[in-house]
Amino acid sequence: MNELCEIRSIMERFGRQVRLCLPDGWQSEHFGAFLQPLRYKNKMYLGGVNTRIGFNREGYYLYLGPPGHDLTKLGRDLWIQAAMDPDEKYTVDRAEVVHFGDAPSHIWAIVRSMVE
């Protein structure tokens, strides 16, 4: 499965460095993954949150990451943190394992920027 090695190599080389975090203090090592803003073609993702300083629209993103960091197995309290900016965090709304043949090739997820 040379193709799977190529996919993982592309993520590590060209993806953003992120890590997974849990409320109990556990954090994964940094790894490469892709985070891309979702383009709003309908009203599905146009919600937002009222904060102390005003209305903040939550951004939704497509996440593509390596299967070794399986978002589907870590629970609902999981968040993703950017390596370059620790204040940049994303909650996972939905995640699935994508297979290439019988082997997992990557994790697909819809994530939302956290508003604290």
PDB file of N, CA and C in Angstrom:
ATOM      1  N   MET A   1       0.829  -1.196   0.000  1.00  0.00           N
ATOM      2  CA  MET A   1       0.000   0.000   0.000  1.00  0.00           C
ATOM      3  C   MET A   1       0.870   1.256   0.000  1.00  0.00           C
ATOM      4  N   ASN A   2       1.621   1.404  -1.041  1.00  0.00           N
ATOM      5  CA  ASN A   2       2.481   2.573  -1.213  1.00  0.00           C
ATOM      6  C   ASN A   2       1.676   3.868  -1.242  1.00  0.00           C
ATOM      7  N   GLU A   3       0.453   3.791  -1.785  1.00  0.00           N
ATOM      8  CA  GLU A   3      -0.388   4.979  -1.888  1.00  0.00           C
ATOM      9  C   GLU A   3      -0.715   5.548  -0.507  1.00  0.00           C
ATOM     10  N   LEU A   4      -0.938   4.658   0.463  1.00  0.00           N
ATOM     11  CA  LEU A   4      -1.247   5.115   1.815  1.00  0.00           C
ATOM     12  C   LEU A   4      -0.065   5.844   2.431  1.00  0.00           C
ATOM     13  N   CYS A   5       1.127   5.365   2.191  1.00  0.00           N
ATOM     14  CA  CYS A   5       2.329   6.046   2.691  1.00  0.00           C
ATOM     15  C   CYS A   5       2.456   7.422   2.064  1.00  0.00           C
ATOM     16  N   GLU A   6       2.112   7.520   0.784  1.00  0.00           N
ATOM     17  CA  GLU A   6       2.178   8.814   0.094  1.00  0.00           C
ATOM     18  C   GLU A   6       1.164   9.799   0.677  1.00  0.00           C
ATOM     19  N   ILE A   7      -0.053   9.324   0.951  1.00  0.00           N
ATOM     20  CA  ILE A   7      -1.079  10.196   1.532  1.00  0.00           C
ATOM     21  C   ILE A   7      -0.610  10.737   2.870  1.00  0.00           C
ATOM     22  N   ARG A   8      -0.096   9.870   3.732  1.00  0.00           N
ATOM     23  CA  ARG A   8       0.360  10.283   5.054  1.00  0.00           C
ATOM     24  C   ARG A   8       1.559  11.223   4.959  1.00  0.00           C
ATOM     25  N   SER A   9       2.441  10.965   3.997  1.00  0.00           N
ATOM     26  CA  SER A   9       3.608  11.826   3.799  1.00  0.00           C
ATOM     27  C   SER A   9       3.186  13.224   3.349  1.00  0.00           C
ATOM     28  N   ILE A  10       2.191  13.299   2.488  1.00  0.00           N
ATOM     29  CA  ILE A  10       1.682  14.594   2.013  1.00  0.00           C
ATOM     30  C   ILE A  10       1.077  15.378   3.174  1.00  0.00           C
ATOM     31  N   MET A  11       0.321  14.700   4.038  1.00  0.00           N
ATOM     32  CA  MET A  11      -0.278  15.379   5.201  1.00  0.00           C
ATOM     33  C   MET A  11       0.805  15.942   6.109  1.00  0.00           C
ATOM     34  N   GLU A  12       1.823  15.135   6.377  1.00  0.00           N
ATOM     35  CA  GLU A  12       2.882  15.577   7.281  1.00  0.00           C
ATOM     36  C   GLU A  12       3.687  16.717   6.670  1.00  0.00           C
ATOM     37  N   ARG A  13       3.917  16.647   5.383  1.00  0.00           N
ATOM     38  CA  ARG A  13       4.768  17.655   4.730  1.00  0.00           C
ATOM     39  C   ARG A  13       4.040  18.969   4.470  1.00  0.00           C
ATOM     40  N   PHE A  14       2.786  18.885   4.022  1.00  0.00           N
ATOM     41  CA  PHE A  14       2.076  20.089   3.588  1.00  0.00           C
ATOM     42  C   PHE A  14       0.935  20.522   4.499  1.00  0.00           C
ATOM     43  N   GLY A  15       0.563  19.688   5.458  1.00  0.00           N
ATOM     44  CA  GLY A  15      -0.535  20.036   6.352  1.00  0.00           C
ATOM     45  C   GLY A  15      -0.091  20.982   7.454  1.00  0.00           C
ATOM     46  N   ARG A  16      -1.056  21.517   8.169  1.00  0.00           N
ATOM     47  CA  ARG A  16      -0.771  22.355   9.341  1.00  0.00           C
ATOM     48  C   ARG A  16      -0.415  21.448  10.497  1.00  0.00           C
ATOM     49  N   GLN A  17       0.465  21.900  11.349  1.00  0.00           N
ATOM     50  CA  GLN A  17       0.816  21.142  12.542  1.00  0.00           C
ATOM     51  C   GLN A  17      -0.246  21.391  13.611  1.00  0.00           C
ATOM     52  N   VAL A  18      -0.870  20.301  14.047  1.00  0.00           N
ATOM     53  CA  VAL A  18      -1.917  20.354  15.061  1.00  0.00           C
ATOM     54  C   VAL A  18      -1.670  19.243  16.075  1.00  0.00           C
ATOM     55  N   ARG A  19      -2.426  19.272  17.155  1.00  0.00           N
ATOM     56  CA  ARG A  19      -2.427  18.157  18.091  1.00  0.00           C
ATOM     57  C   ARG A  19      -3.826  17.993  18.655  1.00  0.00           C
ATOM     58  N   LEU A  20      -4.100  16.809  19.177  1.00  0.00           N
ATOM     59  CA  LEU A  20      -5.383  16.505  19.782  1.00  0.00           C
ATOM     60  C   LEU A  20      -5.271  16.693  21.287  1.00  0.00           C
ATOM     61  N   CYS A  21      -6.336  17.202  21.908  1.00  0.00           N
ATOM     62  CA  CYS A  21      -6.333  17.477  23.342  1.00  0.00           C
ATOM     63  C   CYS A  21      -7.631  16.981  23.969  1.00  0.00           C
ATOM     64  N   LEU A  22      -7.517  16.557  25.226  1.00  0.00           N
ATOM     65  CA  LEU A  22      -8.675  16.149  26.014  1.00  0.00           C
ATOM     66  C   LEU A  22      -8.702  16.949  27.313  1.00  0.00           C
ATOM     67  N   PRO A  23      -9.889  17.107  27.916  1.00  0.00           N
ATOM     68  CA  PRO A  23     -10.008  17.912  29.139  1.00  0.00           C
ATOM     69  C   PRO A  23      -9.152  17.420  30.309  1.00  0.00           C
ATOM     70  N   ASP A  24      -8.794  16.135  30.348  1.00  0.00           N
ATOM     71  CA  ASP A  24      -7.994  15.613  31.465  1.00  0.00           C
ATOM     72  C   ASP A  24      -6.512  15.984  31.362  1.00  0.00           C
ATOM     73  N   GLY A  25      -6.153  16.772  30.338  1.00  0.00           N
ATOM     74  CA  GLY A  25      -4.773  17.220  30.172  1.00  0.00           C
ATOM     75  C   GLY A  25      -3.977  16.426  29.148  1.00  0.00           C
ATOM     76  N   TRP A  26      -4.524  15.313  28.656  1.00  0.00           N
ATOM     77  CA  TRP A  26      -3.834  14.527  27.645  1.00  0.00           C
ATOM     78  C   TRP A  26      -3.712  15.321  26.348  1.00  0.00           C
ATOM     79  N   GLN A  27      -2.545  15.230  25.714  1.00  0.00           N
ATOM     80  CA  GLN A  27      -2.310  15.861  24.413  1.00  0.00           C
ATOM     81  C   GLN A  27      -1.493  14.906  23.555  1.00  0.00           C
ATOM     82  N   SER A  28      -1.833  14.817  22.290  1.00  0.00           N
ATOM     83  CA  SER A  28      -1.041  14.013  21.359  1.00  0.00           C
ATOM     84  C   SER A  28       0.204  14.801  20.958  1.00  0.00           C
ATOM     85  N   GLU A  29       1.117  14.136  20.301  1.00  0.00           N
ATOM     86  CA  GLU A  29       2.234  14.869  19.700  1.00  0.00           C
ATOM     87  C   GLU A  29       1.681  15.659  18.507  1.00  0.00           C
ATOM     88  N   HIS A  30       2.445  16.640  18.036  1.00  0.00           N
ATOM     89  CA  HIS A  30       2.029  17.404  16.856  1.00  0.00           C
ATOM     90  C   HIS A  30       2.124  16.519  15.617  1.00  0.00           C
ATOM     91  N   PHE A  31       1.221  16.751  14.683  1.00  0.00           N
ATOM     92  CA  PHE A  31       1.218  16.013  13.423  1.00  0.00           C
ATOM     93  C   PHE A  31       0.595  16.888  12.345  1.00  0.00           C
ATOM     94  N   GLY A  32       0.819  16.528  11.102  1.00  0.00           N
ATOM     95  CA  GLY A  32       0.303  17.301   9.977  1.00  0.00           C
ATOM     96  C   GLY A  32      -1.105  16.871   9.596  1.00  0.00           C
ATOM     97  N   ALA A  33      -1.982  17.847   9.388  1.00  0.00           N
ATOM     98  CA  ALA A  33      -3.356  17.606   8.948  1.00  0.00           C
ATOM     99  C   ALA A  33      -3.811  18.819   8.138  1.00  0.00           C
ATOM    100  N   PHE A  34      -4.828  18.621   7.341  1.00  0.00           N
ATOM    101  CA  PHE A  34      -5.373  19.724   6.552  1.00  0.00           C
ATOM    102  C   PHE A  34      -6.621  20.276   7.210  1.00  0.00           C
ATOM    103  N   LEU A  35      -6.713  21.594   7.325  1.00  0.00           N
ATOM    104  CA  LEU A  35      -7.895  22.302   7.807  1.00  0.00           C
ATOM    105  C   LEU A  35      -8.263  23.323   6.747  1.00  0.00           C
ATOM    106  N   GLN A  36      -9.458  23.191   6.183  1.00  0.00           N
ATOM    107  CA  GLN A  36      -9.882  24.079   5.106  1.00  0.00           C
ATOM    108  C   GLN A  36     -11.257  24.643   5.436  1.00  0.00           C
ATOM    109  N   PRO A  37     -11.434  25.957   5.327  1.00  0.00           N
ATOM    110  CA  PRO A  37     -12.759  26.528   5.605  1.00  0.00           C
ATOM    111  C   PRO A  37     -13.805  25.955   4.658  1.00  0.00           C
ATOM    112  N   LEU A  38     -14.989  25.685   5.191  1.00  0.00           N
ATOM    113  CA  LEU A  38     -16.093  25.240   4.348  1.00  0.00           C
ATOM    114  C   LEU A  38     -16.709  26.455   3.681  1.00  0.00           C
ATOM    115  N   ARG A  39     -17.031  26.324   2.443  1.00  0.00           N
ATOM    116  CA  ARG A  39     -17.653  27.404   1.687  1.00  0.00           C
ATOM    117  C   ARG A  39     -19.160  27.309   1.878  1.00  0.00           C
ATOM    118  N   TYR A  40     -19.782  28.424   2.222  1.00  0.00           N
ATOM    119  CA  TYR A  40     -21.185  28.436   2.594  1.00  0.00           C
ATOM    120  C   TYR A  40     -22.072  28.489   1.359  1.00  0.00           C
ATOM    121  N   LYS A  41     -22.608  27.340   0.961  1.00  0.00           N
ATOM    122  CA  LYS A  41     -23.493  27.284  -0.197  1.00  0.00           C
ATOM    123  C   LYS A  41     -24.959  27.260   0.213  1.00  0.00           C
ATOM    124  N   ASN A  42     -25.193  27.085   1.486  1.00  0.00           N
ATOM    125  CA  ASN A  42     -26.559  27.145   2.000  1.00  0.00           C
ATOM    126  C   ASN A  42     -26.492  27.721   3.419  1.00  0.00           C
ATOM    127  N   LYS A  43     -27.586  27.693   4.127  1.00  0.00           N
ATOM    128  CA  LYS A  43     -27.612  28.309   5.462  1.00  0.00           C
ATOM    129  C   LYS A  43     -27.234  27.335   6.577  1.00  0.00           C
ATOM    130  N   MET A  44     -26.724  26.167   6.215  1.00  0.00           N
ATOM    131  CA  MET A  44     -26.438  25.132   7.197  1.00  0.00           C
ATOM    132  C   MET A  44     -25.424  25.568   8.243  1.00  0.00           C
ATOM    133  N   TYR A  45     -24.405  26.320   7.852  1.00  0.00           N
ATOM    134  CA  TYR A  45     -23.311  26.662   8.762  1.00  0.00           C
ATOM    135  C   TYR A  45     -23.287  28.152   9.119  1.00  0.00           C
ATOM    136  N   LEU A  46     -24.403  28.844   9.041  1.00  0.00           N
ATOM    137  CA  LEU A  46     -24.390  30.286   9.244  1.00  0.00           C
ATOM    138  C   LEU A  46     -24.711  30.709  10.671  1.00  0.00           C
ATOM    139  N   GLY A  47     -24.716  29.792  11.602  1.00  0.00           N
ATOM    140  CA  GLY A  47     -25.005  30.128  13.002  1.00  0.00           C
ATOM    141  C   GLY A  47     -23.853  30.878  13.640  1.00  0.00           C
ATOM    142  N   GLY A  48     -24.026  31.238  14.887  1.00  0.00           N
ATOM    143  CA  GLY A  48     -22.990  31.943  15.622  1.00  0.00           C
ATOM    144  C   GLY A  48     -23.264  31.883  17.108  1.00  0.00           C
ATOM    145  N   VAL A  49     -22.450  32.598  17.878  1.00  0.00           N
ATOM    146  CA  VAL A  49     -22.557  32.594  19.334  1.00  0.00           C
ATOM    147  C   VAL A  49     -22.486  34.022  19.835  1.00  0.00           C
ATOM    148  N   ASN A  50     -23.372  34.364  20.776  1.00  0.00           N
ATOM    149  CA  ASN A  50     -23.281  35.665  21.431  1.00  0.00           C
ATOM    150  C   ASN A  50     -22.233  35.572  22.532  1.00  0.00           C
ATOM    151  N   THR A  51     -21.269  36.478  22.523  1.00  0.00           N
ATOM    152  CA  THR A  51     -20.226  36.528  23.545  1.00  0.00           C
ATOM    153  C   THR A  51     -20.344  37.845  24.295  1.00  0.00           C
ATOM    154  N   ARG A  52     -19.490  38.037  25.310  1.00  0.00           N
ATOM    155  CA  ARG A  52     -19.520  39.284  26.079  1.00  0.00           C
ATOM    156  C   ARG A  52     -19.249  40.501  25.200  1.00  0.00           C
ATOM    157  N   ILE A  53     -18.457  40.334  24.161  1.00  0.00           N
ATOM    158  CA  ILE A  53     -18.098  41.491  23.333  1.00  0.00           C
ATOM    159  C   ILE A  53     -18.885  41.562  22.034  1.00  0.00           C
ATOM    160  N   GLY A  54     -19.874  40.680  21.848  1.00  0.00           N
ATOM    161  CA  GLY A  54     -20.706  40.751  20.655  1.00  0.00           C
ATOM    162  C   GLY A  54     -20.925  39.384  20.020  1.00  0.00           C
ATOM    163  N   PHE A  55     -21.471  39.401  18.818  1.00  0.00           N
ATOM    164  CA  PHE A  55     -21.816  38.177  18.092  1.00  0.00           C
ATOM    165  C   PHE A  55     -20.582  37.653  17.375  1.00  0.00           C
ATOM    166  N   ASN A  56     -20.288  36.382  17.557  1.00  0.00           N
ATOM    167  CA  ASN A  56     -19.126  35.762  16.930  1.00  0.00           C
ATOM    168  C   ASN A  56     -19.610  34.600  16.078  1.00  0.00           C
ATOM    169  N   ARG A  57     -19.361  34.683  14.793  1.00  0.00           N
ATOM    170  CA  ARG A  57     -19.726  33.583  13.905  1.00  0.00           C
ATOM    171  C   ARG A  57     -18.703  32.468  14.050  1.00  0.00           C
ATOM    172  N   GLU A  58     -19.200  31.280  14.310  1.00  0.00           N
ATOM    173  CA  GLU A  58     -18.314  30.132  14.418  1.00  0.00           C
ATOM    174  C   GLU A  58     -17.978  29.661  13.004  1.00  0.00           C
ATOM    175  N   GLY A  59     -16.692  29.482  12.727  1.00  0.00           N
ATOM    176  CA  GLY A  59     -16.283  28.996  11.429  1.00  0.00           C
ATOM    177  C   GLY A  59     -16.270  27.480  11.404  1.00  0.00           C
ATOM    178  N   TYR A  60     -16.729  26.909  10.318  1.00  0.00           N
ATOM    179  CA  TYR A  60     -16.709  25.467  10.120  1.00  0.00           C
ATOM    180  C   TYR A  60     -15.610  25.123   9.133  1.00  0.00           C
ATOM    181  N   TYR A  61     -14.924  24.003   9.392  1.00  0.00           N
ATOM    182  CA  TYR A  61     -13.773  23.607   8.596  1.00  0.00           C
ATOM    183  C   TYR A  61     -13.842  22.124   8.254  1.00  0.00           C
ATOM    184  N   LEU A  62     -13.262  21.783   7.122  1.00  0.00           N
ATOM    185  CA  LEU A  62     -13.050  20.398   6.749  1.00  0.00           C
ATOM    186  C   LEU A  62     -11.689  19.990   7.279  1.00  0.00           C
ATOM    187  N   TYR A  63     -11.626  18.890   7.998  1.00  0.00           N
ATOM    188  CA  TYR A  63     -10.390  18.354   8.553  1.00  0.00           C
ATOM    189  C   TYR A  63     -10.074  17.050   7.833  1.00  0.00           C
ATOM    190  N   LEU A  64      -8.848  16.910   7.369  1.00  0.00           N
ATOM    191  CA  LEU A  64      -8.337  15.655   6.831  1.00  0.00           C
ATOM    192  C   LEU A  64      -7.050  15.354   7.572  1.00  0.00           C
ATOM    193  N   GLY A  65      -7.025  14.238   8.290  1.00  0.00           N
ATOM    194  CA  GLY A  65      -5.859  13.914   9.099  1.00  0.00           C
ATOM    195  C   GLY A  65      -5.478  12.448   8.979  1.00  0.00           C
ATOM    196  N   PRO A  66      -4.319  12.098   9.508  1.00  0.00           N
ATOM    197  CA  PRO A  66      -3.830  10.724   9.399  1.00  0.00           C
ATOM    198  C   PRO A  66      -4.663   9.766  10.258  1.00  0.00           C
ATOM    199  N   PRO A  67      -4.772   8.507   9.831  1.00  0.00           N
ATOM    200  CA  PRO A  67      -5.590   7.549  10.580  1.00  0.00           C
ATOM    201  C   PRO A  67      -5.006   7.178  11.937  1.00  0.00           C
ATOM    202  N   GLY A  68      -3.733   7.434  12.148  1.00  0.00           N
ATOM    203  CA  GLY A  68      -3.120   7.158  13.443  1.00  0.00           C
ATOM    204  C   GLY A  68      -3.630   8.056  14.553  1.00  0.00           C
ATOM    205  N   HIS A  69      -4.299   9.133  14.191  1.00  0.00           N
ATOM    206  CA  HIS A  69      -4.907  10.062  15.159  1.00  0.00           C
ATOM    207  C   HIS A  69      -6.413  10.044  14.898  1.00  0.00           C
ATOM    208  N   ASP A  70      -7.037   8.971  15.357  1.00  0.00           N
ATOM    209  CA  ASP A  70      -8.431   8.689  15.034  1.00  0.00           C
ATOM    210  C   ASP A  70      -9.384   9.485  15.919  1.00  0.00           C
ATOM    211  N   LEU A  71      -9.982  10.517  15.357  1.00  0.00           N
ATOM    212  CA  LEU A  71     -10.921  11.374  16.089  1.00  0.00           C
ATOM    213  C   LEU A  71     -12.178  10.625  16.504  1.00  0.00           C
ATOM    214  N   THR A  72     -12.494   9.522  15.824  1.00  0.00           N
ATOM    215  CA  THR A  72     -13.729   8.796  16.117  1.00  0.00           C
ATOM    216  C   THR A  72     -13.635   7.990  17.411  1.00  0.00           C
ATOM    217  N   LYS A  73     -12.433   7.790  17.951  1.00  0.00           N
ATOM    218  CA  LYS A  73     -12.253   6.940  19.129  1.00  0.00           C
ATOM    219  C   LYS A  73     -11.911   7.704  20.403  1.00  0.00           C
ATOM    220  N   LEU A  74     -11.801   9.023  20.331  1.00  0.00           N
ATOM    221  CA  LEU A  74     -11.318   9.778  21.489  1.00  0.00           C
ATOM    222  C   LEU A  74     -12.395  10.494  22.289  1.00  0.00           C
ATOM    223  N   GLY A  75     -13.649  10.367  21.903  1.00  0.00           N
ATOM    224  CA  GLY A  75     -14.731  10.936  22.713  1.00  0.00           C
ATOM    225  C   GLY A  75     -15.179  12.310  22.256  1.00  0.00           C
ATOM    226  N   ARG A  76     -16.290  12.739  22.820  1.00  0.00           N
ATOM    227  CA  ARG A  76     -16.941  13.993  22.409  1.00  0.00           C
ATOM    228  C   ARG A  76     -16.257  15.234  22.947  1.00  0.00           C
ATOM    229  N   ASP A  77     -15.427  15.123  23.977  1.00  0.00           N
ATOM    230  CA  ASP A  77     -14.791  16.294  24.580  1.00  0.00           C
ATOM    231  C   ASP A  77     -13.471  16.660  23.904  1.00  0.00           C
ATOM    232  N   LEU A  78     -13.129  15.952  22.869  1.00  0.00           N
ATOM    233  CA  LEU A  78     -11.880  16.174  22.133  1.00  0.00           C
ATOM    234  C   LEU A  78     -11.866  17.532  21.458  1.00  0.00           C
ATOM    235  N   TRP A  79     -10.703  18.166  21.393  1.00  0.00           N
ATOM    236  CA  TRP A  79     -10.535  19.332  20.535  1.00  0.00           C
ATOM    237  C   TRP A  79      -9.191  19.257  19.834  1.00  0.00           C
ATOM    238  N   ILE A  80      -9.089  20.017  18.760  1.00  0.00           N
ATOM    239  CA  ILE A  80      -7.868  20.102  17.952  1.00  0.00           C
ATOM    240  C   ILE A  80      -7.256  21.463  18.213  1.00  0.00           C
ATOM    241  N   GLN A  81      -5.947  21.491  18.431  1.00  0.00           N
ATOM    242  CA  GLN A  81      -5.249  22.743  18.734  1.00  0.00           C
ATOM    243  C   GLN A  81      -4.146  22.949  17.704  1.00  0.00           C
ATOM    244  N   ALA A  82      -4.068  24.161  17.141  1.00  0.00           N
ATOM    245  CA  ALA A  82      -3.022  24.493  16.182  1.00  0.00           C
ATOM    246  C   ALA A  82      -1.690  24.661  16.898  1.00  0.00           C
ATOM    247  N   ALA A  83      -0.609  24.190  16.287  1.00  0.00           N
ATOM    248  CA  ALA A  83       0.715  24.270  16.915  1.00  0.00           C
ATOM    249  C   ALA A  83       1.231  25.707  16.971  1.00  0.00           C
ATOM    250  N   MET A  84       0.988  26.481  15.935  1.00  0.00           N
ATOM    251  CA  MET A  84       1.528  27.838  15.860  1.00  0.00           C
ATOM    252  C   MET A  84       0.777  28.829  16.746  1.00  0.00           C
ATOM    253  N   ASP A  85      -0.485  28.537  17.060  1.00  0.00           N
ATOM    254  CA  ASP A  85      -1.294  29.432  17.881  1.00  0.00           C
ATOM    255  C   ASP A  85      -2.132  28.599  18.849  1.00  0.00           C
ATOM    256  N   PRO A  86      -1.682  28.430  20.094  1.00  0.00           N
ATOM    257  CA  PRO A  86      -2.408  27.591  21.051  1.00  0.00           C
ATOM    258  C   PRO A  86      -3.837  28.054  21.331  1.00  0.00           C
ATOM    259  N   ASP A  87      -4.162  29.308  21.015  1.00  0.00           N
ATOM    260  CA  ASP A  87      -5.523  29.802  21.210  1.00  0.00           C
ATOM    261  C   ASP A  87      -6.450  29.398  20.062  1.00  0.00           C
ATOM    262  N   GLU A  88      -5.895  28.867  18.983  1.00  0.00           N
ATOM    263  CA  GLU A  88      -6.689  28.419  17.839  1.00  0.00           C
ATOM    264  C   GLU A  88      -7.088  26.967  18.085  1.00  0.00           C
ATOM    265  N   LYS A  89      -8.378  26.779  18.402  1.00  0.00           N
ATOM    266  CA  LYS A  89      -8.877  25.458  18.775  1.00  0.00           C
ATOM    267  C   LYS A  89     -10.148  25.147  17.995  1.00  0.00           C
ATOM    268  N   TYR A  90     -10.374  23.856  17.787  1.00  0.00           N
ATOM    269  CA  TYR A  90     -11.530  23.396  17.019  1.00  0.00           C
ATOM    270  C   TYR A  90     -12.187  22.217  17.734  1.00  0.00           C
ATOM    271  N   THR A  91     -13.508  22.234  17.825  1.00  0.00           N
ATOM    272  CA  THR A  91     -14.246  21.077  18.325  1.00  0.00           C
ATOM    273  C   THR A  91     -14.659  20.220  17.135  1.00  0.00           C
ATOM    274  N   VAL A  92     -14.869  18.957  17.385  1.00  0.00           N
ATOM    275  CA  VAL A  92     -15.218  18.015  16.328  1.00  0.00           C
ATOM    276  C   VAL A  92     -16.729  17.810  16.335  1.00  0.00           C
ATOM    277  N   ASP A  93     -17.375  18.164  15.219  1.00  0.00           N
ATOM    278  CA  ASP A  93     -18.816  17.949  15.102  1.00  0.00           C
ATOM    279  C   ASP A  93     -19.138  16.554  14.578  1.00  0.00           C
ATOM    280  N   ARG A  94     -18.341  16.091  13.626  1.00  0.00           N
ATOM    281  CA  ARG A  94     -18.560  14.776  13.027  1.00  0.00           C
ATOM    282  C   ARG A  94     -17.247  14.271  12.478  1.00  0.00           C
ATOM    283  N   ALA A  95     -16.959  12.993  12.648  1.00  0.00           N
ATOM    284  CA  ALA A  95     -15.719  12.408  12.132  1.00  0.00           C
ATOM    285  C   ALA A  95     -15.987  10.997  11.624  1.00  0.00           C
ATOM    286  N   GLU A  96     -15.269  10.622  10.578  1.00  0.00           N
ATOM    287  CA  GLU A  96     -15.380   9.286  10.002  1.00  0.00           C
ATOM    288  C   GLU A  96     -14.015   8.832   9.519  1.00  0.00           C
ATOM    289  N   VAL A  97     -13.822   7.515   9.540  1.00  0.00           N
ATOM    290  CA  VAL A  97     -12.614   6.923   8.986  1.00  0.00           C
ATOM    291  C   VAL A  97     -12.878   6.643   7.504  1.00  0.00           C
ATOM    292  N   VAL A  98     -11.962   7.061   6.627  1.00  0.00           N
ATOM    293  CA  VAL A  98     -12.067   6.810   5.191  1.00  0.00           C
ATOM    294  C   VAL A  98     -11.065   5.716   4.841  1.00  0.00           C
ATOM    295  N   HIS A  99     -11.528   4.732   4.074  1.00  0.00           N
ATOM    296  CA  HIS A  99     -10.684   3.590   3.724  1.00  0.00           C
ATOM    297  C   HIS A  99     -10.235   3.641   2.260  1.00  0.00           C
ATOM    298  N   PHE A 100      -9.049   3.145   2.019  1.00  0.00           N
ATOM    299  CA  PHE A 100      -8.511   2.915   0.682  1.00  0.00           C
ATOM    300  C   PHE A 100      -8.365   1.409   0.577  1.00  0.00           C
ATOM    301  N   GLY A 101      -9.292   0.770  -0.121  1.00  0.00           N
ATOM    302  CA  GLY A 101      -9.342  -0.685  -0.067  1.00  0.00           C
ATOM    303  C   GLY A 101      -9.804  -1.092   1.324  1.00  0.00           C
ATOM    304  N   ASP A 102      -9.060  -1.971   1.967  1.00  0.00           N
ATOM    305  CA  ASP A 102      -9.413  -2.416   3.313  1.00  0.00           C
ATOM    306  C   ASP A 102      -8.685  -1.658   4.415  1.00  0.00           C
ATOM    307  N   ALA A 103      -7.750  -0.794   4.056  1.00  0.00           N
ATOM    308  CA  ALA A 103      -6.945  -0.091   5.053  1.00  0.00           C
ATOM    309  C   ALA A 103      -7.437   1.345   5.239  1.00  0.00           C
ATOM    310  N   PRO A 104      -7.439   1.849   6.493  1.00  0.00           N
ATOM    311  CA  PRO A 104      -7.814   3.254   6.704  1.00  0.00           C
ATOM    312  C   PRO A 104      -6.772   4.179   6.080  1.00  0.00           C
ATOM    313  N   SER A 105      -7.240   5.133   5.268  1.00  0.00           N
ATOM    314  CA  SER A 105      -6.315   6.063   4.607  1.00  0.00           C
ATOM    315  C   SER A 105      -6.227   7.392   5.330  1.00  0.00           C
ATOM    316  N   HIS A 106      -7.360   7.887   5.863  1.00  0.00           N
ATOM    317  CA  HIS A 106      -7.346   9.153   6.581  1.00  0.00           C
ATOM    318  C   HIS A 106      -8.633   9.322   7.379  1.00  0.00           C
ATOM    319  N   ILE A 107      -8.630  10.359   8.209  1.00  0.00           N
ATOM    320  CA  ILE A 107      -9.819  10.720   8.992  1.00  0.00           C
ATOM    321  C   ILE A 107     -10.419  11.974   8.370  1.00  0.00           C
ATOM    322  N   TRP A 108     -11.705  11.914   8.092  1.00  0.00           N
ATOM    323  CA  TRP A 108     -12.465  13.040   7.551  1.00  0.00           C
ATOM    324  C   TRP A 108     -13.322  13.575   8.687  1.00  0.00           C
ATOM    325  N   ALA A 109     -13.366  14.898   8.846  1.00  0.00           N
ATOM    326  CA  ALA A 109     -14.195  15.461   9.918  1.00  0.00           C
ATOM    327  C   ALA A 109     -14.672  16.865   9.557  1.00  0.00           C
ATOM    328  N   ILE A 110     -15.778  17.233  10.153  1.00  0.00           N
ATOM    329  CA  ILE A 110     -16.259  18.613  10.146  1.00  0.00           C
ATOM    330  C   ILE A 110     -15.950  19.149  11.535  1.00  0.00           C
ATOM    331  N   VAL A 111     -15.157  20.217  11.586  1.00  0.00           N
ATOM    332  CA  VAL A 111     -14.784  20.805  12.870  1.00  0.00           C
ATOM    333  C   VAL A 111     -15.227  22.268  12.909  1.00  0.00           C
ATOM    334  N   ARG A 112     -15.364  22.778  14.120  1.00  0.00           N
ATOM    335  CA  ARG A 112     -15.865  24.137  14.315  1.00  0.00           C
ATOM    336  C   ARG A 112     -14.892  24.891  15.207  1.00  0.00           C
ATOM    337  N   SER A 113     -14.585  26.134  14.842  1.00  0.00           N
ATOM    338  CA  SER A 113     -13.691  26.927  15.680  1.00  0.00           C
ATOM    339  C   SER A 113     -14.341  27.150  17.038  1.00  0.00           C
ATOM    340  N   MET A 114     -13.534  27.014  18.091  1.00  0.00           N
ATOM    341  CA  MET A 114     -14.031  27.178  19.461  1.00  0.00           C
ATOM    342  C   MET A 114     -14.076  28.653  19.814  1.00  0.00           C
ATOM    343  N   VAL A 115     -15.160  29.053  20.450  1.00  0.00           N
ATOM    344  CA  VAL A 115     -15.315  30.405  20.942  1.00  0.00           C
ATOM    345  C   VAL A 115     -15.328  30.315  22.454  1.00  0.00           C
ATOM    346  N   GLU A 116     -14.323  30.928  23.092  1.00  0.00           N
ATOM    347  CA  GLU A 116     -14.248  30.843  24.555  1.00  0.00           C
ATOM    348  C   GLU A 116     -14.557  32.172  25.188  1.00  0.00           C
TER     349      GLU A 116
END
